[in-house]
């Protein structure tokens, strides 16, 4: 397997991390495979391009001032605003000893359950852990969607195309992808008919509904309006 080259230099303790980043450098740390821990730095542009190609599953040949070391990207930190790489841990590997590494799963083909039954494709797990020699590490493992022909069909670890010399550590029945049916929009329920509830307070101007077995209360008598002053005066004139 061909390794991706990347240059690095020893990091000077006289230069602060912030100054290094302002000048386009990224602080890095090298450890593993019985190597002495080393503080390094890489150019941010070259480092970013290498990571895009290698990810965390492809060997990188780290050139440290002329000394070449096979490594894997082990852990990265990113600037929260710009998204640029701000720190990297490199793990040195022994090419003759097996290692465990996370390998991404790549989906290929087309699902009939999605195409013809309007199913929704759900990625349950997008990577698996494998064990093999560093030189046998696959960059990714493929899973064909053609197996998904019905709603609730699944693709498991057992369906992956695994090259010789590579062992997947996850159980074979582990689900990677499934197809689910689309959610149906909830039907709008019609407004419920208002019913009298015992103890409910009636709206202003309305009479309360009588309890079961009770007669309705008589309506309040409307107050009689007094006769007009003109009518009163007319009656008084007739008697005089």
Protein backbone atom coordinates (compact mmCIF):
# COMPACT_ATOMS: atom_id res chain seq x y z
CA UNK A 1 0.00 0.00 0.00
CA UNK A 2 1.41 3.37 -1.01
CA UNK A 3 1.73 5.87 1.81
CA UNK A 4 0.87 9.57 1.49
CA UNK A 5 3.92 11.80 2.14
CA UNK A 6 3.82 14.68 4.60
CA UNK A 7 6.64 16.90 5.84
CA UNK A 8 7.05 17.93 9.46
CA UNK A 9 9.68 19.74 11.49
CA UNK A 10 10.66 19.65 15.14
CA UNK A 11 8.77 22.25 17.15
CA UNK A 12 10.90 24.81 18.97
CA UNK A 13 9.96 25.54 22.55
CA UNK A 14 10.90 29.19 22.00
CA UNK A 15 7.92 29.73 19.66
CA UNK A 16 4.47 29.96 21.19
CA UNK A 17 1.61 27.96 19.75
CA UNK A 18 -0.31 31.12 18.87
CA UNK A 19 2.66 32.58 16.99
CA UNK A 20 3.08 29.30 15.12
CA UNK A 21 -0.56 29.29 14.03
CA UNK A 22 -0.41 32.92 12.94
CA UNK A 23 2.49 31.99 10.64
CA UNK A 24 0.54 29.08 9.08
CA UNK A 25 1.86 26.27 11.24
CA UNK A 26 -0.04 23.59 13.15
CA UNK A 27 1.29 22.06 16.40
CA UNK A 28 1.50 18.25 16.26
CA UNK A 29 2.52 15.40 18.56
CA UNK A 30 4.06 12.07 17.55
CA UNK A 31 3.86 8.95 19.75
CA UNK A 32 3.35 5.19 19.57
CA UNK A 33 5.38 2.17 18.34
CA UNK A 34 8.00 2.66 21.02
CA UNK A 35 9.04 6.00 19.55
CA UNK A 36 9.95 8.85 21.81
CA UNK A 37 7.16 11.41 22.06
CA UNK A 38 8.02 14.36 19.86
CA UNK A 39 6.58 17.85 19.47
CA UNK A 40 6.29 18.73 15.78
CA UNK A 41 4.75 21.27 13.46
CA UNK A 42 3.32 21.06 9.94
CA UNK A 43 2.23 23.63 7.39
CA UNK A 44 -1.53 24.00 7.65
CA UNK A 45 -2.21 23.84 3.90
CA UNK A 46 -0.14 20.70 3.30
CA UNK A 47 -1.51 19.09 6.45
CA UNK A 48 -5.11 19.74 5.40
CA UNK A 49 -4.61 18.29 1.91
CA UNK A 50 -3.00 15.17 3.38
CA UNK A 51 -5.81 14.63 5.86
CA UNK A 52 -8.44 14.96 3.12
CA UNK A 53 -6.70 12.18 1.18
CA UNK A 54 -5.79 9.90 4.09
CA UNK A 55 -8.45 10.39 6.71
CA UNK A 56 -7.75 8.22 9.75
CA UNK A 57 -7.51 4.95 7.83
CA UNK A 58 -4.62 5.45 5.39
CA UNK A 59 -0.92 5.37 6.21
CA UNK A 60 1.04 8.62 6.04
CA UNK A 61 4.80 8.73 5.60
CA UNK A 62 5.82 11.52 7.96
CA UNK A 63 9.13 13.08 6.93
CA UNK A 64 10.62 14.65 10.07
CA UNK A 65 13.67 16.60 8.94
CA UNK A 66 14.71 13.68 6.71
CA UNK A 67 13.65 10.84 9.02
CA UNK A 68 10.60 8.99 7.65
CA UNK A 69 8.07 7.44 10.03
CA UNK A 70 4.84 5.59 9.03
CA UNK A 71 1.95 7.10 10.97
CA UNK A 72 -1.83 7.40 11.12
CA UNK A 73 -3.85 10.50 11.92
CA UNK A 74 -5.03 9.61 15.41
CA UNK A 75 -6.78 12.69 16.79
CA UNK A 76 -7.45 16.17 15.47
CA UNK A 77 -8.72 19.45 16.85
CA UNK A 78 -10.36 22.17 14.77
CA UNK A 79 -10.88 25.89 15.19
CA UNK A 80 -14.56 26.35 16.13
CA UNK A 81 -15.07 29.40 13.88
CA UNK A 82 -12.89 28.79 10.81
CA UNK A 83 -12.92 24.97 10.90
CA UNK A 84 -9.19 24.80 10.18
CA UNK A 85 -7.03 22.13 11.85
CA UNK A 86 -5.54 23.48 15.07
CA UNK A 87 -3.78 20.37 16.49
CA UNK A 88 -2.93 16.82 15.39
CA UNK A 89 -1.82 13.63 17.13
CA UNK A 90 0.13 11.21 14.92
CA UNK A 91 0.35 7.55 15.90
CA UNK A 92 3.52 5.79 14.73
CA UNK A 93 2.89 2.18 13.61
CA UNK A 94 5.00 -0.94 13.26
CA UNK A 95 4.43 -2.21 9.73
CA UNK A 96 4.90 -5.81 10.93
CA UNK A 97 2.34 -5.70 13.76
CA UNK A 98 -1.44 -5.73 13.45
CA UNK A 99 -3.37 -2.67 14.57
CA UNK A 100 -7.01 -1.69 15.06
CA UNK A 101 -8.38 1.27 13.15
CA UNK A 102 -11.77 2.81 12.32
CA UNK A 103 -12.66 2.42 8.63
CA UNK A 104 -15.48 4.43 6.98
CA UNK A 105 -18.32 2.65 5.17
CA UNK A 106 -19.13 3.81 1.63
CA UNK A 107 -22.55 3.07 0.13
CA UNK A 108 -22.81 2.01 -3.51
CA UNK A 109 -25.66 1.15 -5.88
CA UNK A 110 -29.34 2.03 -5.53
CA UNK A 111 -32.09 0.81 -3.22
CA UNK A 112 -35.41 -0.22 -4.80
CA UNK A 113 -37.12 0.38 -1.46
CA UNK A 114 -36.10 4.02 -1.69
CA UNK A 115 -36.70 4.41 -5.42
CA UNK A 116 -40.02 2.59 -5.81
CA UNK A 117 -41.51 2.50 -2.29
CA UNK A 118 -40.49 6.04 -1.25
CA UNK A 119 -38.56 4.65 1.71
CA UNK A 120 -36.14 6.74 3.76
CA UNK A 121 -32.52 5.57 3.90
CA UNK A 122 -31.11 5.65 7.45
CA UNK A 123 -27.37 5.31 8.13
CA UNK A 124 -27.11 3.69 11.55
CA UNK A 125 -23.30 3.28 11.64
CA UNK A 126 -20.93 4.97 9.20
CA UNK A 127 -17.72 3.16 10.18
CA UNK A 128 -16.44 -0.15 11.53
CA UNK A 129 -13.32 -1.19 13.42
CA UNK A 130 -10.90 -3.52 11.66
CA UNK A 131 -7.77 -5.38 12.63
CA UNK A 132 -4.93 -6.01 10.18
CA UNK A 133 -1.37 -5.10 9.31
CA UNK A 134 -0.93 -1.37 8.67
CA UNK A 135 -0.02 -2.05 5.05
CA UNK A 136 -3.34 -3.90 4.53
CA UNK A 137 -5.56 -1.13 5.91
CA UNK A 138 -8.41 -0.39 3.48
CA UNK A 139 -9.20 3.27 2.92
CA UNK A 140 -12.93 2.39 3.11
CA UNK A 141 -15.29 -0.60 2.97
CA UNK A 142 -18.17 -0.79 0.49
CA UNK A 143 -21.78 -1.77 1.17
CA UNK A 144 -24.24 -2.24 -1.72
CA UNK A 145 -27.69 -0.67 -1.38
CA UNK A 146 -29.16 -3.09 -3.90
CA UNK A 147 -30.00 -5.48 -1.06
CA UNK A 148 -32.56 -2.98 0.28
CA UNK A 149 -35.68 -3.89 -1.71
CA UNK A 150 -38.36 -3.65 1.01
CA UNK A 151 -39.17 -1.30 3.88
CA UNK A 152 -37.25 -2.31 7.05
CA UNK A 153 -34.59 -4.23 5.08
CA UNK A 154 -31.10 -3.82 6.59
CA UNK A 155 -27.43 -3.98 5.65
CA UNK A 156 -25.21 -5.48 8.34
CA UNK A 157 -21.48 -5.89 8.89
CA UNK A 158 -21.78 -9.34 7.30
CA UNK A 159 -22.72 -7.65 3.99
CA UNK A 160 -19.50 -5.63 3.73
CA UNK A 161 -16.91 -6.43 1.07
CA UNK A 162 -13.82 -7.09 3.20
CA UNK A 163 -10.43 -7.67 1.53
CA UNK A 164 -8.19 -10.58 2.46
CA UNK A 165 -6.08 -10.07 5.56
CA UNK A 166 -8.61 -7.72 7.14
CA UNK A 167 -10.88 -8.70 10.02
CA UNK A 168 -13.86 -6.60 11.11
CA UNK A 169 -14.09 -6.48 14.89
CA UNK A 170 -17.77 -5.48 15.02
CA UNK A 171 -20.32 -8.36 15.31
CA UNK A 172 -21.62 -9.59 11.91
CA UNK A 173 -25.24 -8.77 12.82
CA UNK A 174 -24.46 -5.10 13.57
CA UNK A 175 -26.83 -2.95 11.48
CA UNK A 176 -25.17 -0.33 9.27
CA UNK A 177 -28.05 0.86 7.07
CA UNK A 178 -31.82 0.38 7.04
CA UNK A 179 -34.88 1.67 5.17
CA UNK A 180 -37.80 3.18 7.04
CA UNK A 181 -41.19 4.31 5.80
CA UNK A 182 -41.93 8.00 5.58
CA UNK A 183 -43.83 9.59 8.42
CA UNK A 184 -47.42 10.36 7.52
CA UNK A 185 -48.76 13.79 8.34
CA UNK A 186 -51.12 13.66 11.30
CA UNK A 187 -54.76 14.23 10.37
CA UNK A 188 -56.24 17.37 11.82
CA UNK A 189 -58.96 16.43 14.30
CA UNK A 190 -62.30 18.36 14.03
CA UNK A 191 -63.05 20.75 16.86
CA UNK A 192 -64.91 18.99 19.68
CA UNK A 193 -68.55 19.99 20.32
CA UNK A 194 -68.88 22.03 23.49
CA UNK A 195 -70.55 20.10 26.32
CA UNK A 196 -71.77 21.27 29.69
CA UNK A 197 -69.47 20.22 32.50
CA UNK A 198 -70.63 20.26 36.07
CA UNK A 199 -68.89 23.03 37.96
CA UNK A 200 -67.91 24.93 34.80
CA UNK A 201 -68.21 28.69 35.01
CA UNK A 202 -70.63 30.06 32.34
CA UNK A 203 -69.54 32.83 30.02
CA UNK A 204 -70.66 36.35 30.84
CA UNK A 205 -74.32 36.81 29.87
CA UNK A 206 -75.03 33.04 29.67
CA UNK A 207 -76.99 30.93 32.12
CA UNK A 208 -75.33 27.94 33.67
CA UNK A 209 -76.58 24.56 32.43
CA UNK A 210 -78.74 22.75 35.04
CA UNK A 211 -77.33 19.69 36.75
CA UNK A 212 -78.89 16.34 35.85
CA UNK A 213 -82.30 15.95 37.56
CA UNK A 214 -82.70 19.62 38.34
CA UNK A 215 -85.12 22.07 36.72
CA UNK A 216 -83.75 25.05 34.99
CA UNK A 217 -83.67 28.16 37.16
CA UNK A 218 -86.26 30.78 36.17
CA UNK A 219 -84.92 33.71 34.26
CA UNK A 220 -84.59 36.91 36.21
CA UNK A 221 -87.53 39.29 35.72
CA UNK A 222 -86.65 42.32 33.73
CA UNK A 223 -87.00 45.47 35.83
CA UNK A 224 -89.94 47.62 34.76
CA UNK A 225 -88.94 50.93 33.38
CA UNK A 226 -90.66 53.90 35.09
CA UNK A 227 -93.27 55.80 33.08
CA UNK A 228 -91.97 58.82 31.30
CA UNK A 229 -92.42 62.24 32.93
CA UNK A 230 -94.75 63.28 30.09
CA UNK A 231 -97.13 60.35 30.69
CA UNK A 232 -97.26 61.07 34.42
CA UNK A 233 -98.07 64.70 33.77
CA UNK A 234 -100.98 63.78 31.44
CA UNK A 235 -102.68 61.59 34.03
CA UNK A 236 -102.34 64.25 36.64
CA UNK A 237 -104.00 66.82 34.36
CA UNK A 238 -107.14 64.69 33.80
CA UNK A 239 -107.88 64.42 37.48
CA UNK A 240 -107.64 68.12 38.15
